[in-house]
Amino acid sequence: MTLFVVERVPAGLRGRLTRWMLEVHPGVFVGTLSSRVADELWQAVTSARGDKGACTYLRSSGGEQRFTLRTAGTPSRQPADYDGLVLLVRRLSPELKEPRHRSLKTGKNKRNT
């Protein structure tokens, strides 16, 4: 199983991905590809993404998590290694300096103080 997530890329690149994969949500492509086709498609995606475009590539593998993750550009979720596990960390928006947490009493969002 192969998964591509593309953000802020030219429309032609998304059209190129639909030749090989199914677009299940805008910018999210899923398919079953051979290793060779997937690697060649990754090279094409990274070279055509543009200056502001971002791409994330996941592929089934034999590791502990059963997938391999690659990124190009600056995706909205950055991979981070925590004790050998790859997790995705969401970047905070510039106007929000601290993460919001839900209050247990009111159920409303509030900032840490």
PDB file of N, CA and C in Angstrom:
ATOM      1  N   MET A   1       0.851  -1.169   0.000  1.00  0.00           N
ATOM      2  CA  MET A   1       0.000   0.000   0.000  1.00  0.00           C
ATOM      3  C   MET A   1       0.901   1.237   0.000  1.00  0.00           C
ATOM      4  N   THR A   2       0.538   2.192  -0.811  1.00  0.00           N
ATOM      5  CA  THR A   2       1.294   3.436  -0.930  1.00  0.00           C
ATOM      6  C   THR A   2       0.337   4.603  -0.734  1.00  0.00           C
ATOM      7  N   LEU A   3       0.816   5.631  -0.027  1.00  0.00           N
ATOM      8  CA  LEU A   3       0.006   6.815   0.253  1.00  0.00           C
ATOM      9  C   LEU A   3       0.837   8.056  -0.018  1.00  0.00           C
ATOM     10  N   PHE A   4       0.279   8.991  -0.762  1.00  0.00           N
ATOM     11  CA  PHE A   4       0.881  10.301  -0.971  1.00  0.00           C
ATOM     12  C   PHE A   4      -0.074  11.343  -0.419  1.00  0.00           C
ATOM     13  N   VAL A   5       0.464  12.326   0.282  1.00  0.00           N
ATOM     14  CA  VAL A   5      -0.301  13.491   0.715  1.00  0.00           C
ATOM     15  C   VAL A   5       0.434  14.700   0.161  1.00  0.00           C
ATOM     16  N   VAL A   6      -0.248  15.475  -0.667  1.00  0.00           N
ATOM     17  CA  VAL A   6       0.368  16.655  -1.268  1.00  0.00           C
ATOM     18  C   VAL A   6      -0.380  17.901  -0.824  1.00  0.00           C
ATOM     19  N   GLU A   7       0.391  18.958  -0.578  1.00  0.00           N
ATOM     20  CA  GLU A   7      -0.174  20.235  -0.132  1.00  0.00           C
ATOM     21  C   GLU A   7       0.427  21.355  -0.968  1.00  0.00           C
ATOM     22  N   ARG A   8      -0.389  22.291  -1.389  1.00  0.00           N
ATOM     23  CA  ARG A   8       0.058  23.474  -2.119  1.00  0.00           C
ATOM     24  C   ARG A   8       0.897  23.118  -3.349  1.00  0.00           C
ATOM     25  N   VAL A   9       0.434  22.160  -4.132  1.00  0.00           N
ATOM     26  CA  VAL A   9       1.149  21.735  -5.343  1.00  0.00           C
ATOM     27  C   VAL A   9       0.339  22.141  -6.576  1.00  0.00           C
ATOM     28  N   PRO A  10       0.988  22.219  -7.737  1.00  0.00           N
ATOM     29  CA  PRO A  10       0.251  22.545  -8.963  1.00  0.00           C
ATOM     30  C   PRO A  10      -0.810  21.485  -9.281  1.00  0.00           C
ATOM     31  N   ALA A  11      -1.881  21.924  -9.917  1.00  0.00           N
ATOM     32  CA  ALA A  11      -2.981  21.009 -10.256  1.00  0.00           C
ATOM     33  C   ALA A  11      -2.518  19.894 -11.183  1.00  0.00           C
ATOM     34  N   GLY A  12      -1.557  20.187 -12.047  1.00  0.00           N
ATOM     35  CA  GLY A  12      -1.049  19.171 -12.963  1.00  0.00           C
ATOM     36  C   GLY A  12      -0.398  18.006 -12.247  1.00  0.00           C
ATOM     37  N   LEU A  13       0.222  18.289 -11.107  1.00  0.00           N
ATOM     38  CA  LEU A  13       0.847  17.220 -10.320  1.00  0.00           C
ATOM     39  C   LEU A  13      -0.220  16.304  -9.735  1.00  0.00           C
ATOM     40  N   ARG A  14      -1.298  16.890  -9.246  1.00  0.00           N
ATOM     41  CA  ARG A  14      -2.395  16.065  -8.723  1.00  0.00           C
ATOM     42  C   ARG A  14      -2.992  15.211  -9.832  1.00  0.00           C
ATOM     43  N   GLY A  15      -3.105  15.769 -11.037  1.00  0.00           N
ATOM     44  CA  GLY A  15      -3.611  15.007 -12.174  1.00  0.00           C
ATOM     45  C   GLY A  15      -2.686  13.858 -12.540  1.00  0.00           C
ATOM     46  N   ARG A  16      -1.382  14.106 -12.425  1.00  0.00           N
ATOM     47  CA  ARG A  16      -0.415  13.044 -12.721  1.00  0.00           C
ATOM     48  C   ARG A  16      -0.532  11.898 -11.718  1.00  0.00           C
ATOM     49  N   LEU A  17      -0.767  12.228 -10.461  1.00  0.00           N
ATOM     50  CA  LEU A  17      -0.919  11.185  -9.443  1.00  0.00           C
ATOM     51  C   LEU A  17      -2.183  10.362  -9.670  1.00  0.00           C
ATOM     52  N   THR A  18      -3.239  10.985 -10.207  1.00  0.00           N
ATOM     53  CA  THR A  18      -4.490  10.237 -10.424  1.00  0.00           C
ATOM     54  C   THR A  18      -4.357   9.202 -11.534  1.00  0.00           C
ATOM     55  N   ARG A  19      -3.303   9.271 -12.334  1.00  0.00           N
ATOM     56  CA  ARG A  19      -3.073   8.239 -13.346  1.00  0.00           C
ATOM     57  C   ARG A  19      -2.720   6.904 -12.708  1.00  0.00           C
ATOM     58  N   TRP A  20      -2.109   6.961 -11.524  1.00  0.00           N
ATOM     59  CA  TRP A  20      -1.616   5.754 -10.864  1.00  0.00           C
ATOM     60  C   TRP A  20      -2.369   5.403  -9.591  1.00  0.00           C
ATOM     61  N   MET A  21      -3.006   6.418  -8.983  1.00  0.00           N
ATOM     62  CA  MET A  21      -3.586   6.223  -7.660  1.00  0.00           C
ATOM     63  C   MET A  21      -4.996   6.790  -7.596  1.00  0.00           C
ATOM     64  N   LEU A  22      -5.680   6.481  -6.508  1.00  0.00           N
ATOM     65  CA  LEU A  22      -7.035   6.971  -6.270  1.00  0.00           C
ATOM     66  C   LEU A  22      -6.958   8.152  -5.302  1.00  0.00           C
ATOM     67  N   GLU A  23      -7.595   9.274  -5.663  1.00  0.00           N
ATOM     68  CA  GLU A  23      -7.616  10.449  -4.774  1.00  0.00           C
ATOM     69  C   GLU A  23      -8.838  10.319  -3.863  1.00  0.00           C
ATOM     70  N   VAL A  24      -8.621   9.904  -2.618  1.00  0.00           N
ATOM     71  CA  VAL A  24      -9.715   9.630  -1.688  1.00  0.00           C
ATOM     72  C   VAL A  24     -10.203  10.885  -0.976  1.00  0.00           C
ATOM     73  N   HIS A  25      -9.384  11.902  -0.953  1.00  0.00           N
ATOM     74  CA  HIS A  25      -9.701  13.196  -0.357  1.00  0.00           C
ATOM     75  C   HIS A  25      -8.800  14.190  -1.068  1.00  0.00           C
ATOM     76  N   PRO A  26      -9.172  15.464  -1.166  1.00  0.00           N
ATOM     77  CA  PRO A  26      -8.291  16.394  -1.884  1.00  0.00           C
ATOM     78  C   PRO A  26      -6.851  16.354  -1.358  1.00  0.00           C
ATOM     79  N   GLY A  27      -5.936  15.986  -2.221  1.00  0.00           N
ATOM     80  CA  GLY A  27      -4.524  15.937  -1.860  1.00  0.00           C
ATOM     81  C   GLY A  27      -4.061  14.634  -1.240  1.00  0.00           C
ATOM     82  N   VAL A  28      -4.953  13.659  -1.057  1.00  0.00           N
ATOM     83  CA  VAL A  28      -4.597  12.368  -0.447  1.00  0.00           C
ATOM     84  C   VAL A  28      -4.801  11.272  -1.494  1.00  0.00           C
ATOM     85  N   PHE A  29      -3.713  10.587  -1.846  1.00  0.00           N
ATOM     86  CA  PHE A  29      -3.733   9.580  -2.898  1.00  0.00           C
ATOM     87  C   PHE A  29      -3.318   8.233  -2.329  1.00  0.00           C
ATOM     88  N   VAL A  30      -4.080   7.189  -2.675  1.00  0.00           N
ATOM     89  CA  VAL A  30      -3.828   5.834  -2.172  1.00  0.00           C
ATOM     90  C   VAL A  30      -3.771   4.884  -3.362  1.00  0.00           C
ATOM     91  N   GLY A  31      -2.850   3.917  -3.276  1.00  0.00           N
ATOM     92  CA  GLY A  31      -2.768   2.921  -4.339  1.00  0.00           C
ATOM     93  C   GLY A  31      -1.841   1.784  -3.970  1.00  0.00           C
ATOM     94  N   THR A  32      -1.883   0.737  -4.758  1.00  0.00           N
ATOM     95  CA  THR A  32      -0.977  -0.393  -4.612  1.00  0.00           C
ATOM     96  C   THR A  32      -0.027  -0.344  -5.800  1.00  0.00           C
ATOM     97  N   LEU A  33       1.224   0.042  -5.533  1.00  0.00           N
ATOM     98  CA  LEU A  33       2.217   0.225  -6.579  1.00  0.00           C
ATOM     99  C   LEU A  33       3.432  -0.647  -6.299  1.00  0.00           C
ATOM    100  N   SER A  34       4.129  -1.017  -7.357  1.00  0.00           N
ATOM    101  CA  SER A  34       5.398  -1.716  -7.159  1.00  0.00           C
ATOM    102  C   SER A  34       6.414  -0.718  -6.596  1.00  0.00           C
ATOM    103  N   SER A  35       7.479  -1.228  -6.013  1.00  0.00           N
ATOM    104  CA  SER A  35       8.514  -0.364  -5.429  1.00  0.00           C
ATOM    105  C   SER A  35       9.110   0.562  -6.478  1.00  0.00           C
ATOM    106  N   ARG A  36       9.339   0.033  -7.655  1.00  0.00           N
ATOM    107  CA  ARG A  36       9.941   0.834  -8.718  1.00  0.00           C
ATOM    108  C   ARG A  36       9.036   1.984  -9.136  1.00  0.00           C
ATOM    109  N   VAL A  37       7.770   1.696  -9.371  1.00  0.00           N
ATOM    110  CA  VAL A  37       6.825   2.739  -9.778  1.00  0.00           C
ATOM    111  C   VAL A  37       6.661   3.767  -8.665  1.00  0.00           C
ATOM    112  N   ALA A  38       6.561   3.316  -7.426  1.00  0.00           N
ATOM    113  CA  ALA A  38       6.397   4.241  -6.297  1.00  0.00           C
ATOM    114  C   ALA A  38       7.609   5.157  -6.155  1.00  0.00           C
ATOM    115  N   ASP A  39       8.818   4.614  -6.298  1.00  0.00           N
ATOM    116  CA  ASP A  39      10.020   5.438  -6.181  1.00  0.00           C
ATOM    117  C   ASP A  39      10.131   6.433  -7.329  1.00  0.00           C
ATOM    118  N   GLU A  40       9.790   6.010  -8.541  1.00  0.00           N
ATOM    119  CA  GLU A  40       9.821   6.933  -9.675  1.00  0.00           C
ATOM    120  C   GLU A  40       8.757   8.019  -9.537  1.00  0.00           C
ATOM    121  N   LEU A  41       7.604   7.656  -9.020  1.00  0.00           N
ATOM    122  CA  LEU A  41       6.547   8.635  -8.794  1.00  0.00           C
ATOM    123  C   LEU A  41       6.955   9.626  -7.712  1.00  0.00           C
ATOM    124  N   TRP A  42       7.631   9.155  -6.663  1.00  0.00           N
ATOM    125  CA  TRP A  42       8.133  10.042  -5.606  1.00  0.00           C
ATOM    126  C   TRP A  42       9.128  11.045  -6.182  1.00  0.00           C
ATOM    127  N   GLN A  43      10.029  10.580  -7.054  1.00  0.00           N
ATOM    128  CA  GLN A  43      10.985  11.494  -7.683  1.00  0.00           C
ATOM    129  C   GLN A  43      10.260  12.549  -8.518  1.00  0.00           C
ATOM    130  N   ALA A  44       9.241  12.133  -9.250  1.00  0.00           N
ATOM    131  CA  ALA A  44       8.471  13.071 -10.072  1.00  0.00           C
ATOM    132  C   ALA A  44       7.719  14.078  -9.203  1.00  0.00           C
ATOM    133  N   VAL A  45       7.155  13.623  -8.103  1.00  0.00           N
ATOM    134  CA  VAL A  45       6.397  14.501  -7.205  1.00  0.00           C
ATOM    135  C   VAL A  45       7.319  15.524  -6.556  1.00  0.00           C
ATOM    136  N   THR A  46       8.469  15.095  -6.055  1.00  0.00           N
ATOM    137  CA  THR A  46       9.377  16.023  -5.378  1.00  0.00           C
ATOM    138  C   THR A  46       9.970  17.047  -6.343  1.00  0.00           C
ATOM    139  N   SER A  47      10.172  16.670  -7.596  1.00  0.00           N
ATOM    140  CA  SER A  47      10.734  17.626  -8.539  1.00  0.00           C
ATOM    141  C   SER A  47       9.679  18.598  -9.080  1.00  0.00           C
ATOM    142  N   ALA A  48       8.407  18.213  -9.079  1.00  0.00           N
ATOM    143  CA  ALA A  48       7.340  19.054  -9.641  1.00  0.00           C
ATOM    144  C   ALA A  48       6.531  19.796  -8.590  1.00  0.00           C
ATOM    145  N   ARG A  49       6.874  19.678  -7.322  1.00  0.00           N
ATOM    146  CA  ARG A  49       6.035  20.257  -6.263  1.00  0.00           C
ATOM    147  C   ARG A  49       6.082  21.773  -6.190  1.00  0.00           C
ATOM    148  N   GLY A  50       7.093  22.410  -6.770  1.00  0.00           N
ATOM    149  CA  GLY A  50       7.212  23.859  -6.716  1.00  0.00           C
ATOM    150  C   GLY A  50       7.925  24.309  -5.448  1.00  0.00           C
ATOM    151  N   ASP A  51       8.031  25.624  -5.286  1.00  0.00           N
ATOM    152  CA  ASP A  51       8.770  26.179  -4.152  1.00  0.00           C
ATOM    153  C   ASP A  51       8.030  26.039  -2.824  1.00  0.00           C
ATOM    154  N   LYS A  52       6.717  26.186  -2.852  1.00  0.00           N
ATOM    155  CA  LYS A  52       5.934  26.163  -1.610  1.00  0.00           C
ATOM    156  C   LYS A  52       5.220  24.843  -1.372  1.00  0.00           C
ATOM    157  N   GLY A  53       5.298  23.940  -2.315  1.00  0.00           N
ATOM    158  CA  GLY A  53       4.601  22.666  -2.199  1.00  0.00           C
ATOM    159  C   GLY A  53       5.240  21.746  -1.179  1.00  0.00           C
ATOM    160  N   ALA A  54       4.436  20.836  -0.642  1.00  0.00           N
ATOM    161  CA  ALA A  54       4.908  19.861   0.341  1.00  0.00           C
ATOM    162  C   ALA A  54       4.309  18.504   0.023  1.00  0.00           C
ATOM    163  N   CYS A  55       5.099  17.458   0.260  1.00  0.00           N
ATOM    164  CA  CYS A  55       4.659  16.105  -0.043  1.00  0.00           C
ATOM    165  C   CYS A  55       5.046  15.167   1.086  1.00  0.00           C
ATOM    166  N   THR A  56       4.177  14.232   1.376  1.00  0.00           N
ATOM    167  CA  THR A  56       4.456  13.167   2.345  1.00  0.00           C
ATOM    168  C   THR A  56       4.178  11.840   1.643  1.00  0.00           C
ATOM    169  N   TYR A  57       5.079  10.885   1.851  1.00  0.00           N
ATOM    170  CA  TYR A  57       5.016   9.586   1.174  1.00  0.00           C
ATOM    171  C   TYR A  57       5.097   8.493   2.227  1.00  0.00           C
ATOM    172  N   LEU A  58       4.114   7.617   2.249  1.00  0.00           N
ATOM    173  CA  LEU A  58       4.111   6.462   3.147  1.00  0.00           C
ATOM    174  C   LEU A  58       4.024   5.202   2.306  1.00  0.00           C
ATOM    175  N   ARG A  59       4.805   4.198   2.700  1.00  0.00           N
ATOM    176  CA  ARG A  59       4.819   2.934   1.965  1.00  0.00           C
ATOM    177  C   ARG A  59       4.912   1.791   2.959  1.00  0.00           C
ATOM    178  N   SER A  60       4.181   0.730   2.715  1.00  0.00           N
ATOM    179  CA  SER A  60       4.261  -0.463   3.567  1.00  0.00           C
ATOM    180  C   SER A  60       5.681  -1.006   3.544  1.00  0.00           C
ATOM    181  N   SER A  61       6.149  -1.436   4.717  1.00  0.00           N
ATOM    182  CA  SER A  61       7.488  -2.033   4.806  1.00  0.00           C
ATOM    183  C   SER A  61       7.490  -3.047   5.946  1.00  0.00           C
ATOM    184  N   GLY A  62       8.643  -3.656   6.183  1.00  0.00           N
ATOM    185  CA  GLY A  62       8.729  -4.713   7.178  1.00  0.00           C
ATOM    186  C   GLY A  62       9.202  -4.262   8.548  1.00  0.00           C
ATOM    187  N   GLY A  63       9.264  -2.978   8.819  1.00  0.00           N
ATOM    188  CA  GLY A  63       9.731  -2.489  10.115  1.00  0.00           C
ATOM    189  C   GLY A  63       8.709  -2.687  11.219  1.00  0.00           C
ATOM    190  N   GLU A  64       9.030  -2.160  12.381  1.00  0.00           N
ATOM    191  CA  GLU A  64       8.147  -2.311  13.539  1.00  0.00           C
ATOM    192  C   GLU A  64       6.790  -1.649  13.308  1.00  0.00           C
ATOM    193  N   GLN A  65       6.787  -0.476  12.684  1.00  0.00           N
ATOM    194  CA  GLN A  65       5.527   0.219  12.426  1.00  0.00           C
ATOM    195  C   GLN A  65       4.866  -0.232  11.122  1.00  0.00           C
ATOM    196  N   ARG A  66       5.551  -1.025  10.344  1.00  0.00           N
ATOM    197  CA  ARG A  66       5.055  -1.573   9.085  1.00  0.00           C
ATOM    198  C   ARG A  66       4.883  -0.515   7.986  1.00  0.00           C
ATOM    199  N   PHE A  67       5.569   0.639   8.108  1.00  0.00           N
ATOM    200  CA  PHE A  67       5.564   1.619   7.033  1.00  0.00           C
ATOM    201  C   PHE A  67       6.850   2.436   7.060  1.00  0.00           C
ATOM    202  N   THR A  68       7.146   3.035   5.899  1.00  0.00           N
ATOM    203  CA  THR A  68       8.268   3.944   5.737  1.00  0.00           C
ATOM    204  C   THR A  68       7.694   5.301   5.384  1.00  0.00           C
ATOM    205  N   LEU A  69       8.267   6.361   5.953  1.00  0.00           N
ATOM    206  CA  LEU A  69       7.752   7.713   5.759  1.00  0.00           C
ATOM    207  C   LEU A  69       8.848   8.604   5.197  1.00  0.00           C
ATOM    208  N   ARG A  70       8.507   9.382   4.157  1.00  0.00           N
ATOM    209  CA  ARG A  70       9.406  10.383   3.579  1.00  0.00           C
ATOM    210  C   ARG A  70       8.627  11.680   3.431  1.00  0.00           C
ATOM    211  N   THR A  71       9.330  12.814   3.538  1.00  0.00           N
ATOM    212  CA  THR A  71       8.695  14.109   3.308  1.00  0.00           C
ATOM    213  C   THR A  71       9.586  14.962   2.416  1.00  0.00           C
ATOM    214  N   ALA A  72       8.971  15.905   1.729  1.00  0.00           N
ATOM    215  CA  ALA A  72       9.681  16.896   0.927  1.00  0.00           C
ATOM    216  C   ALA A  72       8.963  18.219   1.107  1.00  0.00           C
ATOM    217  N   GLY A  73       9.722  19.298   1.201  1.00  0.00           N
ATOM    218  CA  GLY A  73       9.122  20.602   1.454  1.00  0.00           C
ATOM    219  C   GLY A  73       8.834  20.757   2.931  1.00  0.00           C
ATOM    220  N   THR A  74       7.830  21.570   3.252  1.00  0.00           N
ATOM    221  CA  THR A  74       7.436  21.803   4.641  1.00  0.00           C
ATOM    222  C   THR A  74       5.973  21.420   4.812  1.00  0.00           C
ATOM    223  N   PRO A  75       5.691  20.136   5.070  1.00  0.00           N
ATOM    224  CA  PRO A  75       4.294  19.725   5.241  1.00  0.00           C
ATOM    225  C   PRO A  75       3.721  20.254   6.565  1.00  0.00           C
ATOM    226  N   SER A  76       2.398  20.270   6.669  1.00  0.00           N
ATOM    227  CA  SER A  76       1.747  20.774   7.885  1.00  0.00           C
ATOM    228  C   SER A  76       2.008  19.872   9.085  1.00  0.00           C
ATOM    229  N   ARG A  77       2.377  18.627   8.846  1.00  0.00           N
ATOM    230  CA  ARG A  77       2.730  17.698   9.929  1.00  0.00           C
ATOM    231  C   ARG A  77       4.136  17.173   9.679  1.00  0.00           C
ATOM    232  N   GLN A  78       5.029  17.404  10.633  1.00  0.00           N
ATOM    233  CA  GLN A  78       6.429  17.013  10.516  1.00  0.00           C
ATOM    234  C   GLN A  78       6.660  15.687  11.220  1.00  0.00           C
ATOM    235  N   PRO A  79       7.415  14.772  10.614  1.00  0.00           N
ATOM    236  CA  PRO A  79       7.740  13.517  11.303  1.00  0.00           C
ATOM    237  C   PRO A  79       8.752  13.765  12.415  1.00  0.00           C
ATOM    238  N   ALA A  80       8.568  13.054  13.505  1.00  0.00           N
ATOM    239  CA  ALA A  80       9.482  13.146  14.646  1.00  0.00           C
ATOM    240  C   ALA A  80       9.718  11.739  15.176  1.00  0.00           C
ATOM    241  N   ASP A  81      10.950  11.464  15.571  1.00  0.00           N
ATOM    242  CA  ASP A  81      11.315  10.142  16.081  1.00  0.00           C
ATOM    243  C   ASP A  81      11.234  10.161  17.605  1.00  0.00           C
ATOM    244  N   TYR A  82      10.403   9.316  18.170  1.00  0.00           N
ATOM    245  CA  TYR A  82      10.273   9.171  19.622  1.00  0.00           C
ATOM    246  C   TYR A  82      10.549   7.719  19.980  1.00  0.00           C
ATOM    247  N   ASP A  83      11.726   7.462  20.522  1.00  0.00           N
ATOM    248  CA  ASP A  83      12.138   6.114  20.931  1.00  0.00           C
ATOM    249  C   ASP A  83      11.969   5.094  19.811  1.00  0.00           C
ATOM    250  N   GLY A  84      12.353   5.479  18.609  1.00  0.00           N
ATOM    251  CA  GLY A  84      12.291   4.559  17.484  1.00  0.00           C
ATOM    252  C   GLY A  84      10.965   4.522  16.756  1.00  0.00           C
ATOM    253  N   LEU A  85       9.954   5.226  17.243  1.00  0.00           N
ATOM    254  CA  LEU A  85       8.654   5.299  16.567  1.00  0.00           C
ATOM    255  C   LEU A  85       8.533   6.635  15.843  1.00  0.00           C
ATOM    256  N   VAL A  86       8.041   6.602  14.637  1.00  0.00           N
ATOM    257  CA  VAL A  86       7.835   7.829  13.879  1.00  0.00           C
ATOM    258  C   VAL A  86       6.435   8.343  14.182  1.00  0.00           C
ATOM    259  N   LEU A  87       6.364   9.562  14.687  1.00  0.00           N
ATOM    260  CA  LEU A  87       5.089  10.218  14.961  1.00  0.00           C
ATOM    261  C   LEU A  87       5.012  11.483  14.137  1.00  0.00           C
ATOM    262  N   LEU A  88       3.828  11.982  13.866  1.00  0.00           N
ATOM    263  CA  LEU A  88       3.655  13.221  13.138  1.00  0.00           C
ATOM    264  C   LEU A  88       3.274  14.324  14.106  1.00  0.00           C
ATOM    265  N   VAL A  89       4.009  15.415  14.045  1.00  0.00           N
ATOM    266  CA  VAL A  89       3.804  16.548  14.939  1.00  0.00           C
ATOM    267  C   VAL A  89       3.230  17.685  14.115  1.00  0.00           C
ATOM    268  N   ARG A  90       2.124  18.220  14.566  1.00  0.00           N
ATOM    269  CA  ARG A  90       1.484  19.335  13.870  1.00  0.00           C
ATOM    270  C   ARG A  90       2.144  20.636  14.281  1.00  0.00           C
ATOM    271  N   ARG A  91       2.474  21.462  13.296  1.00  0.00           N
ATOM    272  CA  ARG A  91       3.081  22.760  13.602  1.00  0.00           C
ATOM    273  C   ARG A  91       2.007  23.704  14.122  1.00  0.00           C
ATOM    274  N   LEU A  92       2.397  24.577  15.057  1.00  0.00           N
ATOM    275  CA  LEU A  92       1.476  25.580  15.564  1.00  0.00           C
ATOM    276  C   LEU A  92       1.400  26.739  14.583  1.00  0.00           C
ATOM    277  N   SER A  93       0.237  27.334  14.453  1.00  0.00           N
ATOM    278  CA  SER A  93       0.111  28.501  13.594  1.00  0.00           C
ATOM    279  C   SER A  93       0.809  29.678  14.273  1.00  0.00           C
ATOM    280  N   PRO A  94       1.290  30.663  13.508  1.00  0.00           N
ATOM    281  CA  PRO A  94       2.035  31.780  14.097  1.00  0.00           C
ATOM    282  C   PRO A  94       1.247  32.569  15.130  1.00  0.00           C
ATOM    283  N   GLU A  95      -0.074  32.698  14.940  1.00  0.00           N
ATOM    284  CA  GLU A  95      -0.864  33.484  15.894  1.00  0.00           C
ATOM    285  C   GLU A  95      -1.152  32.730  17.193  1.00  0.00           C
ATOM    286  N   LEU A  96      -0.946  31.424  17.202  1.00  0.00           N
ATOM    287  CA  LEU A  96      -1.201  30.618  18.390  1.00  0.00           C
ATOM    288  C   LEU A  96       0.143  30.141  18.939  1.00  0.00           C
ATOM    289  N   LYS A  97       0.627  30.787  19.968  1.00  0.00           N
ATOM    290  CA  LYS A  97       1.945  30.479  20.516  1.00  0.00           C
ATOM    291  C   LYS A  97       1.937  29.219  21.372  1.00  0.00           C
ATOM    292  N   GLU A  98       0.844  28.961  22.064  1.00  0.00           N
ATOM    293  CA  GLU A  98       0.755  27.797  22.938  1.00  0.00           C
ATOM    294  C   GLU A  98      -0.404  26.918  22.484  1.00  0.00           C
ATOM    295  N   PRO A  99      -0.278  25.606  22.651  1.00  0.00           N
ATOM    296  CA  PRO A  99      -1.390  24.731  22.271  1.00  0.00           C
ATOM    297  C   PRO A  99      -2.602  24.939  23.178  1.00  0.00           C
ATOM    298  N   ARG A 100      -3.769  24.731  22.634  1.00  0.00           N
ATOM    299  CA  ARG A 100      -4.990  24.837  23.439  1.00  0.00           C
ATOM    300  C   ARG A 100      -5.314  23.492  24.051  1.00  0.00           C
ATOM    301  N   HIS A 101      -5.857  23.513  25.236  1.00  0.00           N
ATOM    302  CA  HIS A 101      -6.286  22.294  25.918  1.00  0.00           C
ATOM    303  C   HIS A 101      -7.735  22.452  26.319  1.00  0.00           C
ATOM    304  N   ARG A 102      -8.458  21.374  26.284  1.00  0.00           N
ATOM    305  CA  ARG A 102      -9.872  21.400  26.645  1.00  0.00           C
ATOM    306  C   ARG A 102     -10.002  21.346  28.165  1.00  0.00           C
ATOM    307  N   SER A 103     -10.792  22.243  28.707  1.00  0.00           N
ATOM    308  CA  SER A 103     -11.030  22.283  30.137  1.00  0.00           C
ATOM    309  C   SER A 103     -11.913  21.107  30.539  1.00  0.00           C
ATOM    310  N   LEU A 104     -11.537  20.410  31.592  1.00  0.00           N
ATOM    311  CA  LEU A 104     -12.327  19.271  32.044  1.00  0.00           C
ATOM    312  C   LEU A 104     -13.658  19.704  32.646  1.00  0.00           C
ATOM    313  N   LYS A 105     -13.688  20.898  33.277  1.00  0.00           N
ATOM    314  CA  LYS A 105     -14.911  21.355  33.931  1.00  0.00           C
ATOM    315  C   LYS A 105     -15.925  21.912  32.930  1.00  0.00           C
ATOM    316  N   THR A 106     -15.470  22.793  32.036  1.00  0.00           N
ATOM    317  CA  THR A 106     -16.414  23.461  31.143  1.00  0.00           C
ATOM    318  C   THR A 106     -16.511  22.807  29.780  1.00  0.00           C
ATOM    319  N   GLY A 107     -15.492  22.043  29.385  1.00  0.00           N
ATOM    320  CA  GLY A 107     -15.494  21.438  28.065  1.00  0.00           C
ATOM    321  C   GLY A 107     -15.133  22.420  26.963  1.00  0.00           C
ATOM    322  N   LYS A 108     -14.711  23.639  27.337  1.00  0.00           N
ATOM    323  CA  LYS A 108     -14.352  24.653  26.353  1.00  0.00           C
ATOM    324  C   LYS A 108     -12.840  24.685  26.195  1.00  0.00           C
ATOM    325  N   ASN A 109     -12.402  25.148  25.027  1.00  0.00           N
ATOM    326  CA  ASN A 109     -10.972  25.300  24.766  1.00  0.00           C
ATOM    327  C   ASN A 109     -10.434  26.494  25.531  1.00  0.00           C
ATOM    328  N   LYS A 110      -9.229  26.362  26.056  1.00  0.00           N
ATOM    329  CA  LYS A 110      -8.566  27.482  26.697  1.00  0.00           C
ATOM    330  C   LYS A 110      -7.067  27.324  26.508  1.00  0.00           C
ATOM    331  N   ARG A 111      -6.345  28.425  26.637  1.00  0.00           N
ATOM    332  CA  ARG A 111      -4.889  28.393  26.497  1.00  0.00           C
ATOM    333  C   ARG A 111      -4.248  28.130  27.844  1.00  0.00           C
ATOM    334  N   ASN A 112      -3.056  27.528  27.786  1.00  0.00           N
ATOM    335  CA  ASN A 112      -2.291  27.305  29.026  1.00  0.00           C
ATOM    336  C   ASN A 112      -1.860  28.653  29.603  1.00  0.00           C
ATOM    337  N   THR A 113      -1.893  28.775  30.904  1.00  0.00           N
ATOM    338  CA  THR A 113      -1.403  30.006  31.544  1.00  0.00           C
ATOM    339  C   THR A 113      -0.408  29.678  32.603  1.00  0.00           C
TER     340      THR A 113
END
